[in-house]
Protein backbone atom coordinates (compact mmCIF):
# COMPACT_ATOMS: atom_id res chain seq x y z
CA MET A 1 52.86 -65.77 36.12
CA ILE A 2 51.95 -64.17 39.41
CA GLU A 3 55.49 -64.66 40.67
CA ALA A 4 56.90 -62.71 37.74
CA ILE A 5 54.52 -59.82 38.45
CA ILE A 6 55.35 -59.81 42.17
CA ARG A 7 59.08 -59.83 41.42
CA LYS A 8 58.74 -56.81 39.14
CA PHE A 9 56.11 -54.69 40.89
CA ALA A 10 55.65 -56.06 44.44
CA GLY A 11 52.55 -54.20 45.70
CA ALA A 12 53.03 -51.19 43.40
CA PRO A 13 50.37 -50.44 40.77
CA PHE A 14 51.08 -51.01 37.08
CA THR A 15 49.35 -50.38 33.76
CA LEU A 16 48.69 -52.92 31.04
CA SER A 17 51.40 -51.38 28.88
CA LYS A 18 53.98 -51.79 31.65
CA LEU A 19 53.12 -55.44 32.30
CA ASN A 20 55.56 -56.50 29.56
CA ALA A 21 58.40 -55.32 31.80
CA ALA A 22 57.70 -58.24 34.17
CA ALA A 23 58.58 -60.80 31.49
CA VAL A 24 61.82 -62.66 32.22
CA ASP A 25 63.77 -65.50 30.61
CA SER A 26 61.45 -67.58 28.42
CA LEU A 27 58.29 -65.81 29.60
CA SER A 28 56.93 -63.24 27.15
CA GLY A 29 54.92 -60.13 27.89
CA ALA A 30 52.10 -61.53 25.76
CA GLU A 31 51.86 -64.58 28.02
CA LEU A 32 51.55 -62.32 31.04
CA ARG A 33 48.83 -60.22 29.42
CA ALA A 34 46.96 -63.34 28.30
CA ALA A 35 47.02 -64.66 31.87
CA LEU A 36 45.69 -61.38 33.30
CA PRO A 37 41.94 -62.09 32.84
CA ASP A 38 42.19 -65.38 34.74
CA MET A 39 44.25 -63.76 37.51
CA LEU A 40 41.63 -61.01 37.81
CA ARG A 41 38.79 -63.55 38.06
CA LYS A 42 40.63 -65.48 40.78
CA GLY A 43 41.49 -62.33 42.76
CA ARG A 44 45.23 -62.78 42.35
CA VAL A 45 45.34 -59.37 40.65
CA ALA A 46 42.94 -56.47 41.29
CA ALA A 47 42.19 -53.31 39.33
CA VAL A 48 40.99 -49.77 39.89
CA LYS A 49 39.72 -47.20 37.41
CA LYS A 50 40.92 -43.63 37.34
CA SER A 51 38.39 -40.83 36.85
CA TRP A 52 39.40 -40.51 33.17
CA GLY A 53 38.97 -44.25 32.57
CA ASP A 54 42.55 -45.54 32.68
CA ARG A 55 43.04 -48.78 34.60
CA LEU A 56 45.65 -49.54 37.25
CA TYR A 57 46.39 -53.12 38.28
CA TYR A 58 48.01 -54.31 41.50
CA ILE A 59 48.63 -57.41 43.60
CA PRO A 60 46.18 -57.53 46.57
CA GLY A 61 47.69 -57.65 50.04
CA ASP A 62 46.60 -61.19 50.88
CA VAL A 63 48.17 -62.52 47.65
CA LEU A 64 51.47 -60.83 48.50
CA ILE A 65 51.47 -62.21 52.02
CA ASN A 66 50.54 -65.71 50.88
CA TYR A 67 53.35 -65.71 48.32
CA TRP A 68 56.03 -64.50 50.72
CA SER A 69 54.94 -66.49 53.76
CA HIS A 70 55.49 -69.70 51.75
CA TRP A 71 58.79 -68.58 50.21
CA ASP A 72 61.60 -70.94 51.21
CA ASN A 73 64.97 -70.11 49.73
CA LEU A 74 67.47 -69.29 52.48
CA ASP A 75 70.17 -71.54 53.91
CA SER A 76 73.21 -69.33 54.43
CA ALA A 77 71.93 -66.54 56.64
CA ARG A 78 72.02 -68.35 59.99
CA VAL A 79 74.40 -66.89 62.56
CA ILE A 80 75.97 -68.79 65.47
CA PRO A 81 74.06 -67.60 68.59
CA GLY A 82 77.18 -67.51 70.79
CA ASN A 83 78.67 -64.73 68.68
CA ILE A 84 75.76 -62.34 69.09
CA THR A 85 75.53 -59.23 71.26
CA LEU A 86 71.91 -58.27 71.92
CA LEU A 87 71.30 -54.64 70.90
CA GLN A 88 67.54 -54.36 71.35
CA ALA A 89 65.07 -56.88 72.71
CA ALA A 90 61.53 -56.98 71.40
CA LYS A 91 59.25 -54.68 73.39
CA ARG A 92 55.98 -55.64 75.03
CA GLY A 93 54.28 -55.52 71.66
CA LEU A 94 51.62 -53.85 69.58
CA VAL A 95 49.00 -56.31 70.84
CA ALA A 96 49.57 -55.18 74.43
CA ASP A 97 49.82 -51.49 73.49
CA LEU A 98 46.52 -51.65 71.63
CA PHE A 99 44.90 -53.39 74.60
CA ARG A 100 46.17 -50.69 76.96
CA SER A 101 44.83 -48.09 74.51
CA LEU A 102 41.40 -49.72 74.44
CA THR A 103 41.07 -49.89 78.21
CA TRP A 104 42.28 -46.29 78.49
CA ILE A 105 39.64 -45.10 76.02
CA ALA A 106 36.99 -47.16 77.82
CA HIS A 107 37.79 -45.43 81.11
CA HIS A 108 38.62 -41.91 79.95
CA GLY A 109 37.69 -41.44 76.31
CA LEU A 110 39.83 -39.42 73.91
CA PRO A 111 38.23 -35.94 73.66
CA LEU A 112 38.97 -33.86 70.58
CA THR A 113 39.70 -30.17 70.13
CA ALA A 114 37.82 -27.93 67.71
CA LYS A 115 40.54 -28.74 65.13
CA GLY A 116 39.76 -32.44 65.42
CA THR A 117 42.92 -33.49 67.27
CA ILE A 118 43.12 -35.21 70.65
CA HIS A 119 43.49 -32.85 73.61
CA GLN A 120 47.18 -32.63 74.49
CA LYS A 121 46.63 -33.60 78.13
CA SER A 122 44.61 -36.68 77.16
CA LEU A 123 47.15 -37.59 74.48
CA ASN A 124 50.04 -37.45 76.96
CA LYS A 125 48.17 -39.51 79.57
CA TRP A 126 47.23 -42.11 76.97
CA LEU A 127 50.78 -42.43 75.64
CA GLU A 128 52.07 -42.98 79.19
CA GLN A 129 50.36 -46.41 78.95
CA ILE A 130 52.24 -47.31 75.74
CA GLU A 131 55.67 -48.95 75.41
CA LEU A 132 56.08 -48.30 71.68
CA ALA A 133 58.11 -45.08 71.34
CA GLU A 134 58.54 -42.44 68.68
CA LYS A 135 62.22 -43.38 68.26
CA ASP A 136 61.17 -46.90 67.23
CA LEU A 137 59.47 -45.49 64.13
CA VAL A 138 61.42 -42.37 63.24
CA GLY A 139 63.32 -43.95 60.32
CA LEU A 140 60.13 -45.03 58.50
CA ASP A 141 59.26 -41.43 57.58
CA LEU A 142 55.51 -41.96 57.99
CA HIS A 143 53.07 -39.40 56.57
CA TYR A 144 49.68 -38.79 58.19
CA PRO A 145 47.12 -36.07 59.06
CA HIS A 146 47.90 -33.65 61.92
CA GLN A 147 51.57 -34.66 61.81
CA GLU A 148 52.46 -31.63 63.93
CA ALA A 149 50.09 -32.77 66.70
CA TYR A 150 50.76 -36.51 66.89
CA PRO A 151 54.10 -38.29 67.38
CA ALA A 152 54.62 -41.30 65.12
CA HIS A 153 53.73 -43.93 67.75
CA ALA A 154 50.41 -42.20 68.49
CA ALA A 155 49.66 -42.10 64.75
CA VAL A 156 50.39 -45.82 64.36
CA LEU A 157 48.13 -46.76 67.26
CA LEU A 158 45.30 -44.57 65.98
CA ASP A 159 45.77 -46.05 62.51
CA MET A 160 45.57 -49.60 63.85
CA LEU A 161 42.49 -48.81 65.94
CA LEU A 162 40.81 -47.35 62.86
CA ALA A 163 41.96 -50.20 60.60
CA LEU A 164 40.40 -52.75 62.95
CA GLY A 165 37.20 -50.72 63.22
CA LEU A 166 37.64 -50.42 67.00
CA ILE A 167 37.09 -46.66 67.31
CA ARG A 168 34.98 -43.97 65.70
CA LYS A 169 34.57 -40.21 66.00
CA GLU A 170 31.46 -39.36 67.97
CA ARG A 171 30.41 -36.03 69.51
CA GLY A 172 33.81 -34.51 69.81
CA ALA A 173 35.73 -37.60 70.94
CA TRP A 174 37.08 -40.95 69.81
CA SER A 175 34.89 -43.69 71.27
CA LEU A 176 34.84 -47.49 71.07
CA ASN A 177 32.75 -49.66 68.76
CA ALA A 178 31.26 -52.30 71.04
CA HIS A 179 30.76 -55.09 68.51
CA GLU A 180 34.18 -54.77 66.84
CA LEU A 181 35.77 -54.59 70.29
CA SER A 182 34.04 -57.84 71.30
CA VAL A 183 35.25 -59.55 68.13
CA TRP A 184 38.83 -58.32 68.56
CA LEU A 185 39.13 -59.30 72.21
CA GLY A 186 37.72 -62.72 71.35
CA ARG A 187 40.87 -63.51 69.38
CA SER A 188 44.01 -65.14 70.71
CA ALA A 189 47.30 -63.27 70.94
CA GLN A 190 48.55 -65.25 67.92
CA GLN A 191 45.56 -64.19 65.84
CA MET A 192 46.03 -60.57 66.90
CA ASN A 193 49.70 -60.64 65.97
CA ASP A 194 48.88 -62.18 62.60
CA LYS A 195 46.36 -59.45 61.84
CA LEU A 196 48.50 -56.58 63.10
CA LEU A 197 51.64 -57.59 61.22
CA ARG A 198 49.54 -57.97 58.09
CA GLU A 199 48.25 -54.40 58.48
CA VAL A 200 51.73 -53.06 59.30
CA LEU A 201 53.19 -54.69 56.17
CA LEU A 202 50.48 -53.37 53.88
CA ARG A 203 50.29 -49.88 55.38
CA TYR A 204 53.77 -48.74 56.36
CA VAL A 205 56.00 -50.19 53.64
CA PRO A 206 56.43 -47.37 51.10
CA ASP A 207 55.54 -47.66 47.43
CA ASP A 208 59.02 -48.88 46.56
CA VAL A 209 59.64 -52.31 45.02
CA THR A 210 63.07 -52.82 46.60
CA LEU A 211 61.88 -51.96 50.11
CA SER A 212 58.74 -54.03 49.68
CA HIS A 213 60.74 -57.11 48.70
CA PHE A 214 62.94 -56.70 51.77
CA ALA A 215 60.06 -56.16 54.22
CA PHE A 216 58.01 -59.09 52.91
CA ARG A 217 61.07 -61.35 52.67
CA LEU A 218 61.26 -61.34 56.47
CA ILE A 219 57.96 -63.27 56.81
CA ALA A 220 59.15 -66.11 54.56
CA ALA A 221 58.80 -69.67 55.80
CA ASP A 222 62.56 -70.26 55.92
CA LEU A 223 63.13 -67.66 58.67
CA ALA A 224 62.37 -69.54 61.88
CA GLU A 225 61.38 -68.06 65.22
CA ARG A 226 64.16 -67.64 67.83
CA GLN A 227 66.94 -68.13 65.24
CA TRP A 228 69.47 -65.38 64.45
CA TYR A 229 69.85 -64.29 60.82
CA SER A 230 72.19 -61.94 58.99
CA ILE A 231 70.57 -59.00 57.24
CA ARG A 232 73.40 -59.06 54.71
CA GLU A 233 72.66 -62.68 53.76
CA VAL A 234 68.92 -62.02 53.54
CA CYS A 235 69.62 -59.20 51.08
CA ALA A 236 72.04 -61.47 49.21
CA SER A 237 69.31 -64.10 48.80
CA LEU A 238 67.07 -61.46 47.21
CA THR A 239 69.87 -60.29 44.94
CA GLU A 240 70.36 -63.87 43.72
CA GLN A 241 66.67 -63.93 42.84
CA ARG A 242 67.06 -60.61 40.97
CA MET A 243 64.77 -58.83 43.42
CA LEU A 244 67.41 -56.45 44.78
CA PRO A 245 70.23 -54.66 42.96
CA GLY A 246 73.78 -55.64 43.82
CA GLU A 247 74.53 -52.33 45.54
CA LEU A 248 71.86 -50.70 47.69
CA PRO A 249 71.75 -46.90 48.09
CA GLU A 250 72.44 -45.66 51.59
CA ASP A 251 68.91 -44.33 52.07
CA LYS A 252 67.45 -47.78 51.37
CA GLN A 253 69.90 -49.46 53.74
CA LEU A 254 68.89 -46.95 56.42
CA TRP A 255 65.18 -47.68 55.88
CA MET A 256 65.81 -51.44 56.12
CA ARG A 257 67.50 -51.03 59.49
CA SER A 258 64.67 -48.72 60.59
CA TRP A 259 62.13 -51.36 59.56
CA LEU A 260 63.80 -53.93 61.83
CA GLU A 261 63.82 -51.38 64.68
CA ALA A 262 60.10 -50.75 64.13
CA LEU A 263 59.34 -54.49 64.22
CA SER A 264 61.31 -54.69 67.46
CA GLY A 265 59.36 -51.78 68.95
CA MET A 266 56.14 -53.52 67.98
CA GLY A 267 57.19 -56.64 69.88
CA TRP A 268 58.08 -59.05 67.08
CA MET A 269 61.85 -58.93 66.68
CA ASP A 270 65.16 -58.87 68.61
CA LEU A 271 68.15 -57.04 67.12
CA GLY A 272 71.78 -57.99 67.65
CA GLU A 273 75.31 -57.54 66.41
CA SER A 274 77.68 -60.29 65.29
CA HIS A 275 81.33 -60.44 66.38
CA ASP A 276 82.36 -58.58 63.19
CA GLY A 277 79.84 -55.76 63.73
CA GLU A 278 77.16 -56.99 61.34
CA LEU A 279 73.48 -56.33 62.12
CA VAL A 280 71.52 -59.51 62.82
CA PHE A 281 67.93 -60.17 63.85
CA ARG A 282 65.64 -62.91 65.09
CA TRP A 283 61.89 -63.29 65.33
CA SER A 284 60.88 -63.18 69.00
CA VAL A 285 57.24 -63.69 68.02
CA LYS A 286 56.66 -64.60 64.40
CA PRO A 287 53.08 -64.32 63.12
CA VAL A 288 52.17 -67.24 60.88
CA PHE A 289 48.96 -66.00 59.19
CA VAL A 290 46.94 -69.01 60.32
CA GLN A 291 43.76 -70.26 58.68
CA GLN A 292 40.29 -69.53 60.05
CA ASN A 293 39.59 -73.08 61.32
CA SER A 294 42.67 -73.03 63.57
CA GLU A 295 41.79 -69.54 64.78
CA VAL A 296 38.60 -70.80 66.38
CA SER A 297 40.33 -73.55 68.35
CA GLU A 298 43.07 -71.17 69.52
CA SER A 299 40.45 -68.71 70.75
CA GLN A 300 38.64 -71.43 72.65
CA LEU A 301 41.86 -72.61 74.29
CA ALA A 302 42.71 -69.04 75.33
CA ALA A 303 39.31 -68.60 76.96
CA GLU A 304 39.82 -71.65 79.19
CA ALA A 305 43.02 -70.40 80.91
CA LEU A 306 42.62 -69.30 84.58
CA PHE A 307 44.17 -66.53 86.64
CA TYR A 308 45.25 -66.86 90.28
CA ILE A 309 44.01 -64.71 93.17
CA GLN A 310 46.46 -64.38 96.06
CA PRO A 311 45.51 -63.80 99.74
CA ASP A 312 47.20 -60.38 99.53
CA PHE A 313 44.59 -59.40 96.87
CA GLU A 314 47.07 -59.58 93.99
CA ILE A 315 46.00 -61.46 90.86
CA ILE A 316 48.57 -63.31 88.75
CA VAL A 317 47.58 -63.58 85.10
CA PRO A 318 49.44 -66.12 82.91
CA PRO A 319 49.96 -65.24 79.23
CA GLU A 320 47.35 -67.80 78.13
CA VAL A 321 44.50 -65.88 79.80
CA SER A 322 42.23 -64.45 77.10
CA PHE A 323 41.90 -60.76 76.42
CA ARG A 324 38.16 -60.98 77.09
CA VAL A 325 39.02 -61.95 80.67
CA ARG A 326 41.70 -59.26 80.89
CA TRP A 327 39.14 -56.69 79.76
CA GLU A 328 37.06 -57.44 82.87
CA LEU A 329 40.16 -57.50 85.10
CA GLU A 330 40.94 -53.98 83.89
CA LEU A 331 37.51 -52.92 85.15
CA TYR A 332 37.49 -54.59 88.56
CA CYS A 333 41.19 -54.30 89.45
CA GLU A 334 44.17 -51.99 89.32
CA SER A 335 46.83 -52.89 86.77
CA VAL A 336 50.24 -53.34 88.43
CA THR A 337 52.38 -54.78 85.61
CA MET A 338 51.64 -56.02 82.11
CA ASP A 339 54.30 -58.44 80.93
CA VAL A 340 54.64 -62.12 80.10
CA MET A 341 53.09 -62.67 83.53
CA SER A 342 50.75 -59.78 84.37
CA ILE A 343 49.79 -58.61 87.85
CA TYR A 344 46.54 -56.96 88.95
CA ARG A 345 45.39 -55.90 92.42
CA LEU A 346 41.90 -55.97 93.89
CA SER A 347 40.97 -53.11 96.18
CA ARG A 348 37.93 -51.44 97.60
CA THR A 349 38.69 -48.45 95.38
CA SER A 350 38.85 -50.52 92.20
CA ILE A 351 35.59 -52.30 93.00
CA ALA A 352 33.93 -48.95 93.82
CA ALA A 353 35.09 -47.59 90.44
CA ALA A 354 33.48 -50.59 88.74
CA THR A 355 30.18 -49.90 90.46
CA GLN A 356 30.34 -46.36 89.06
CA GLN A 357 30.38 -48.02 85.62
CA GLY A 358 27.10 -49.80 86.32
CA ARG A 359 28.48 -53.11 87.60
CA THR A 360 27.69 -54.67 90.96
CA VAL A 361 29.96 -56.32 93.54
CA GLU A 362 28.01 -59.53 93.02
CA GLU A 363 28.96 -59.43 89.34
CA ALA A 364 32.59 -58.95 90.33
CA ILE A 365 32.44 -61.99 92.63
CA ASP A 366 30.88 -64.13 89.87
CA PHE A 367 33.55 -63.03 87.41
CA LEU A 368 36.41 -63.74 89.82
CA HIS A 369 34.96 -67.11 90.74
CA ASN A 370 34.46 -68.22 87.12
CA GLY A 371 37.80 -66.97 85.80
CA SER A 372 40.15 -67.97 88.62
CA ALA A 373 41.46 -71.10 90.25
CA GLY A 374 39.59 -70.04 93.41
CA ILE A 375 38.96 -67.00 95.62
CA PRO A 376 40.82 -67.06 98.98
CA ASP A 377 38.45 -66.90 101.96
CA ASN A 378 39.75 -63.54 103.23
CA VAL A 379 39.36 -61.97 99.75
CA LEU A 380 35.82 -63.33 99.39
CA LEU A 381 34.91 -62.06 102.86
CA SER A 382 36.14 -58.56 101.97
CA LEU A 383 34.21 -58.57 98.70
CA LYS A 384 31.00 -59.51 100.51
CA GLN A 385 31.58 -56.76 103.05
CA TRP A 386 32.12 -54.22 100.28
CA ALA A 387 28.90 -55.43 98.66
CA LYS A 388 26.98 -54.47 101.81
CA GLU A 389 28.54 -51.00 101.78
CA MET A 390 28.26 -50.21 98.07
CA GLY A 391 25.41 -49.77 95.69
CA ARG A 392 22.66 -49.20 98.25
CA THR A 393 21.95 -45.86 96.62
CA SER A 394 22.77 -44.54 93.17
CA LEU A 395 22.68 -41.37 91.13
CA ALA A 396 21.29 -41.60 87.63
CA GLU A 397 21.47 -39.14 84.78
CA VAL A 398 18.17 -38.72 82.97
CA GLN A 399 16.88 -36.69 80.04
CA LEU A 400 14.45 -34.07 81.35
CA LEU A 401 11.83 -32.43 79.16
CA ARG A 402 10.77 -29.08 80.67
CA CYS A 403 7.76 -27.05 79.56
CA LYS A 404 7.66 -23.25 79.78
CA ASP A 405 3.94 -23.09 80.57
CA GLU A 406 0.91 -25.21 81.49
CA GLU A 407 -0.57 -24.97 77.98
CA ALA A 408 2.47 -26.77 76.45
CA ALA A 409 2.42 -29.37 79.24
CA GLY A 410 -1.29 -29.95 78.68
CA ARG A 411 -0.83 -30.59 74.95
CA ILE A 412 1.89 -33.13 75.74
CA THR A 413 -0.21 -34.85 78.42
CA ALA A 414 -3.12 -35.09 75.98
CA HIS A 415 -0.95 -36.98 73.46
CA PRO A 416 -1.37 -40.67 74.48
CA GLU A 417 1.44 -42.03 72.25
CA LEU A 418 3.89 -39.44 73.58
CA MET A 419 2.97 -40.13 77.20
CA GLU A 420 3.94 -43.79 76.73
CA MET A 421 7.52 -42.53 76.32
CA LEU A 422 7.47 -39.93 79.11
CA GLU A 423 7.23 -40.03 82.91
CA PRO A 424 5.64 -36.92 84.57
CA ILE A 425 7.57 -35.62 87.62
CA GLY A 426 5.58 -32.44 88.16
CA PRO A 427 3.17 -30.15 86.33
CA LEU A 428 5.79 -28.89 83.83
CA ALA A 429 8.47 -31.65 83.61
CA PHE A 430 8.79 -35.16 82.18
CA ILE A 431 11.54 -37.81 82.21
CA VAL A 432 12.31 -39.07 78.68
CA ASP A 433 12.86 -42.76 77.96
CA PRO A 434 16.34 -42.65 76.32
CA ILE A 435 15.50 -45.57 74.05
CA GLN A 436 12.56 -43.59 72.64
CA LEU A 437 14.48 -40.32 72.28
CA ASN A 438 14.16 -39.98 68.50
CA LYS A 439 10.43 -40.77 68.57
CA VAL A 440 9.89 -38.19 71.32
CA GLU A 441 11.66 -35.51 69.28
CA LYS A 442 9.59 -36.38 66.20
CA ALA A 443 6.30 -36.25 68.15
CA LEU A 444 7.25 -32.89 69.68
CA GLU A 445 8.00 -31.53 66.19
CA GLU A 446 4.53 -32.62 65.03
CA LEU A 447 3.02 -30.71 67.98
CA GLY A 448 5.14 -27.65 67.19
CA LEU A 449 6.92 -28.04 70.54
CA ALA A 450 10.36 -29.27 69.40
CA PRO A 451 13.13 -28.14 71.82
CA PRO A 452 16.10 -26.21 70.38
CA ARG A 453 19.25 -28.22 69.55
CA PRO A 454 21.34 -29.22 71.29
CA GLY A 455 18.69 -30.22 73.76
CA LEU A 456 18.13 -33.88 74.23
CA GLY A 457 20.96 -36.37 73.80
CA GLN A 458 23.93 -34.51 75.28
CA ALA A 459 27.27 -36.34 75.29
CA SER A 460 27.80 -38.55 78.32
CA GLN A 461 30.86 -39.85 80.08
CA PRO A 462 32.48 -42.94 78.58
CA GLN A 463 30.89 -46.16 79.76
CA TYR A 464 32.99 -49.30 80.16
CA ILE A 465 31.63 -51.64 77.51
CA ARG A 466 30.09 -55.00 78.32
CA LEU A 467 31.48 -57.43 75.77
CA GLU A 468 29.12 -59.47 73.65
CA ALA A 469 28.95 -63.19 74.41
CA ALA A 470 31.22 -65.43 72.37
CA ALA A 471 28.20 -67.04 70.69
CA GLU A 472 27.05 -63.63 69.43
CA ILE A 473 30.34 -62.93 67.67
CA ALA A 474 30.98 -66.43 66.25
CA GLU A 475 29.46 -65.50 62.89
CA GLN A 476 31.65 -62.40 62.67
CA GLU A 477 34.76 -64.46 63.46
CA ALA A 478 33.95 -66.91 60.67
CA ALA A 479 33.44 -64.17 58.06
CA PRO A 480 36.30 -63.35 55.67
CA ASN A 481 38.60 -60.55 56.77
CA ARG A 482 37.95 -57.15 55.26
CA ASP A 483 40.94 -56.03 53.21
CA PHE A 484 41.50 -52.85 55.18
CA ALA A 485 44.88 -52.36 53.56
CA ASP A 486 43.17 -51.88 50.17
CA LEU A 487 41.16 -48.98 51.61
CA PRO A 488 42.46 -45.41 51.98
CA ALA A 489 44.81 -45.51 54.93
CA TRP A 490 45.11 -42.81 57.58
CA ILE A 491 48.87 -43.18 57.31
CA TYR A 492 49.67 -42.68 53.63
CA ASN A 493 52.13 -45.09 52.02
CA GLY A 494 52.17 -43.58 48.55
CA ARG A 495 49.87 -46.04 46.79
CA ASP A 496 47.44 -43.79 44.91
CA TYR A 497 45.27 -46.69 43.70
CA GLN A 498 43.65 -46.76 47.15
CA PHE A 499 41.74 -43.61 46.23
CA TYR A 500 40.25 -44.84 42.96
CA GLU A 501 37.09 -46.83 42.21
CA ARG A 502 37.44 -50.61 42.16
CA ASP A 503 37.13 -52.01 38.62
CA ILE A 504 35.82 -55.57 38.22
CA SER A 505 35.74 -55.60 34.41
CA ILE A 506 37.89 -58.12 32.52
CA PRO A 507 39.97 -56.86 29.57
CA LYS A 508 38.97 -58.36 26.23
CA ARG A 509 41.28 -59.93 23.65
CA ASP A 510 41.47 -56.79 21.47
CA GLN A 511 42.44 -54.75 24.53
CA LEU A 512 45.24 -57.14 25.37
CA PHE A 513 46.40 -57.38 21.75
CA PRO A 514 45.29 -54.20 19.95
CA GLY A 515 45.17 -54.29 16.15
CA MET A 516 44.23 -57.98 15.77
CA GLN A 517 41.44 -57.09 13.37
CA ASP A 518 43.93 -55.33 11.09
CA ILE A 519 46.24 -58.30 10.37
CA PRO A 520 45.69 -61.43 8.26
CA ALA A 521 44.44 -64.33 10.37
CA VAL A 522 46.91 -66.63 8.68
CA TRP A 523 49.79 -64.89 10.49
CA LEU A 524 48.46 -66.48 13.67
CA LYS A 525 47.24 -69.83 12.40
CA GLU A 526 49.66 -71.31 9.86
CA LEU A 527 53.37 -71.75 9.45
CA ARG A 528 54.25 -70.28 6.03
CA LYS A 529 57.13 -68.96 4.03
CA TYR A 530 56.83 -65.19 3.47
CA HIS A 531 58.53 -62.58 1.33
CA PRO A 532 61.16 -60.77 3.47
CA SER A 533 59.08 -57.55 3.50
CA THR A 534 56.01 -59.43 4.80
CA ALA A 535 58.15 -61.38 7.26
CA ARG A 536 59.39 -58.06 8.63
CA LYS A 537 55.79 -56.89 9.20
CA ILE A 538 55.05 -60.14 11.02
CA ALA A 539 58.14 -59.71 13.17
CA GLN A 540 57.22 -56.07 13.86
CA GLN A 541 53.71 -57.09 14.97
CA ALA A 542 55.09 -59.78 17.29
CA LEU A 543 57.47 -57.21 18.71
CA GLU A 544 54.62 -54.76 19.39
CA TRP A 545 52.65 -57.47 21.20
CA ASP A 546 55.80 -58.74 22.93
CA THR A 547 54.83 -62.24 21.89
CA LYS A 548 56.77 -65.21 20.54
CA ILE A 549 57.34 -66.21 16.94
CA ILE A 550 57.47 -69.86 15.88
CA LEU A 551 60.18 -70.49 13.31
CA ARG A 552 61.00 -73.59 11.29
CA MET A 553 64.77 -73.79 11.12
CA ASP A 554 66.58 -76.79 9.70
CA GLU A 555 63.36 -78.83 9.88
CA GLN A 556 62.97 -78.03 13.60
CA LEU A 557 60.43 -75.76 15.30
CA VAL A 558 61.89 -73.17 17.64
CA GLU A 559 60.44 -70.23 19.56
CA LEU A 560 61.84 -66.71 19.41
CA ILE A 561 61.05 -63.84 21.79
CA PRO A 562 61.79 -60.78 19.63
CA GLU A 563 63.60 -57.93 21.35
CA ARG A 564 64.37 -55.49 18.49
CA LEU A 565 64.42 -55.12 14.73
CA GLU A 566 67.41 -53.72 12.87
CA GLY A 567 67.48 -52.47 9.29
CA ASP A 568 64.86 -52.14 6.54
CA GLU A 569 65.64 -54.11 3.38
CA ASN A 570 68.47 -56.18 4.81
CA TRP A 571 66.84 -56.45 8.21
CA ARG A 572 67.63 -58.67 11.14
CA ILE A 573 65.72 -59.57 14.28
CA HIS A 574 67.40 -59.84 17.66
CA GLY A 575 65.91 -61.90 20.46
CA LEU A 576 65.94 -64.94 22.70
CA LEU A 577 65.85 -68.27 20.88
CA MET A 578 64.51 -71.42 22.59
CA PRO A 579 65.07 -74.79 20.89
CA PRO A 580 62.31 -77.40 21.21
CA ASP A 581 64.31 -79.57 23.63
CA ARG A 582 64.93 -77.51 26.78
CA LYS A 583 66.09 -80.33 29.03
CA ASP A 584 69.70 -79.24 28.60
CA SER A 585 69.67 -76.00 30.61
CA ASP A 586 72.88 -74.77 28.95
CA LYS A 587 71.22 -74.94 25.53
CA ALA A 588 67.71 -74.04 26.61
CA GLN A 589 67.90 -70.44 25.40
CA ARG A 590 70.38 -68.11 23.77
CA GLN A 591 70.58 -64.62 22.33
CA VAL A 592 70.53 -64.58 18.53
CA SER A 593 70.49 -62.20 15.58
CA LEU A 594 68.65 -63.69 12.60
CA GLY A 595 67.86 -62.65 9.05
CA PRO A 596 64.75 -63.88 7.16
CA GLU A 597 66.91 -66.17 5.01
CA GLN A 598 67.80 -68.24 8.10
CA TRP A 599 64.36 -69.83 8.55
CA GLU A 600 61.94 -71.56 6.22
CA GLU A 601 58.54 -70.74 7.76
CA MET A 602 57.10 -68.57 10.52
CA ARG A 603 53.96 -67.59 12.37
CA ILE A 604 53.05 -65.48 15.40
CA LEU A 605 52.48 -67.52 18.57
CA LEU A 606 49.68 -65.79 20.46
CA PRO A 607 48.96 -67.32 23.89
CA GLU A 608 45.49 -68.55 24.82
CA ILE A 609 43.50 -66.23 27.07
């Protein structure tokens, strides 16, 4: 049942009345409608309710991905590797670009203009860290807010950061969410790729059934990593399954090529050309949408990998090193290259910058010792020398409460609860405990001494986040993924159902088959011989419900899916006839045109709900 709906609608919304259109071969529309309540209960189909009460149904993202990732129907699309010319190798990848974005925001923030867009200078500096380019995405025709201010690759990165809950708007800037950041960086590269490709599939594929089938077809189980495939043969396999038309319009062919270019820009796919000029592709990194139990073990393995500190102060970081470790390397070191094998460099300047973020040289030494295969003696000696020179003094920003006169200061001093949150530094000034800031403001309001806003709590410079310990985020890792793709997306893909209220009600029998109370119950329960005029009414009702009719013909029971009625008195019914023995595929079903004199008895076959 679910396969028939996916084939017809993909991820596009549909109404109950349009569900009949998904019926194929011996499957009737009534059978699909009768199966809908169970599919809703099991989460295989979801529903939303429009403001005027109409319902829209759709296949949730995880159901789509599960269906396609297990699809296995391709044998003929393999291409001989020796005949391939590489056109475009997979780039560094969306995982790496997001990581560079996170460390950039941690160091510099992303300040916003009065219009709510990122300052142009900050935007340009940020995008200098990113390998994904606007040209990689141009053919997808993405639609998003502030399209005139952001190139497509900036929009995609912002969308992914928002989808993962990694950033939020706060006091005129995009800033990081510490907990979500800790959870994200605790994942392995494989887990990150799985999650990102899932979001890309559910957010950037337009609301078009043909394009959706093509995009999701690429994640099927029969397309192996590092193996070249022909795009023509992939499309042919979908045509054979009646998911694509025989001839594709040029605009759809262009989008399909653009989709492959986007996947290459995001680090997942290589593009090539066969000896006869045909476009081919291969998965460079193929996400596999792994289960939660294997995610935990992968994350643990990633955390155990070590980096290597060289006597020349360079640090070699193998690909297995976890992103939690890389996060700290980005703080204590200068990034030289980020590739399969990444290079960092320790310097006095980089360590000094870390101390400005509240870390100590001793913490840097502990981190390097625990995460590496060993610290060379000359490097350790330099670090200890820098420790003696740094951090002996510090400047701290504090919140200062100033009083205009001695009378106001006296009232504050006489308030014992307030003084527990303040530190006097003169007759008219107090240092405010930042943790107690809200309580201080409330107490001052009660005294009639509240400062004007903005007063306390001015925006501060971005602070490089200390990640939560792995034990603290274990519960979050084990929790089911939020279905971000079913929420309103920043980049709009045309699926309006995202903006409606979720509907968890289950349609009742009279909603699925309206008018049941108006027909004789015997039409549904007993095989009988009817007058031709009554038989026509029965056939008409079955046609309206798009359900089967059981006929007794020549002492055999057969099933008929009615397709249309013709005539009034001398009427005939056209439809698909299925004999009781369907083992012989050639005789399993055939188109017929029958008159009421050609059968002895009949009844409506209404499927169980």
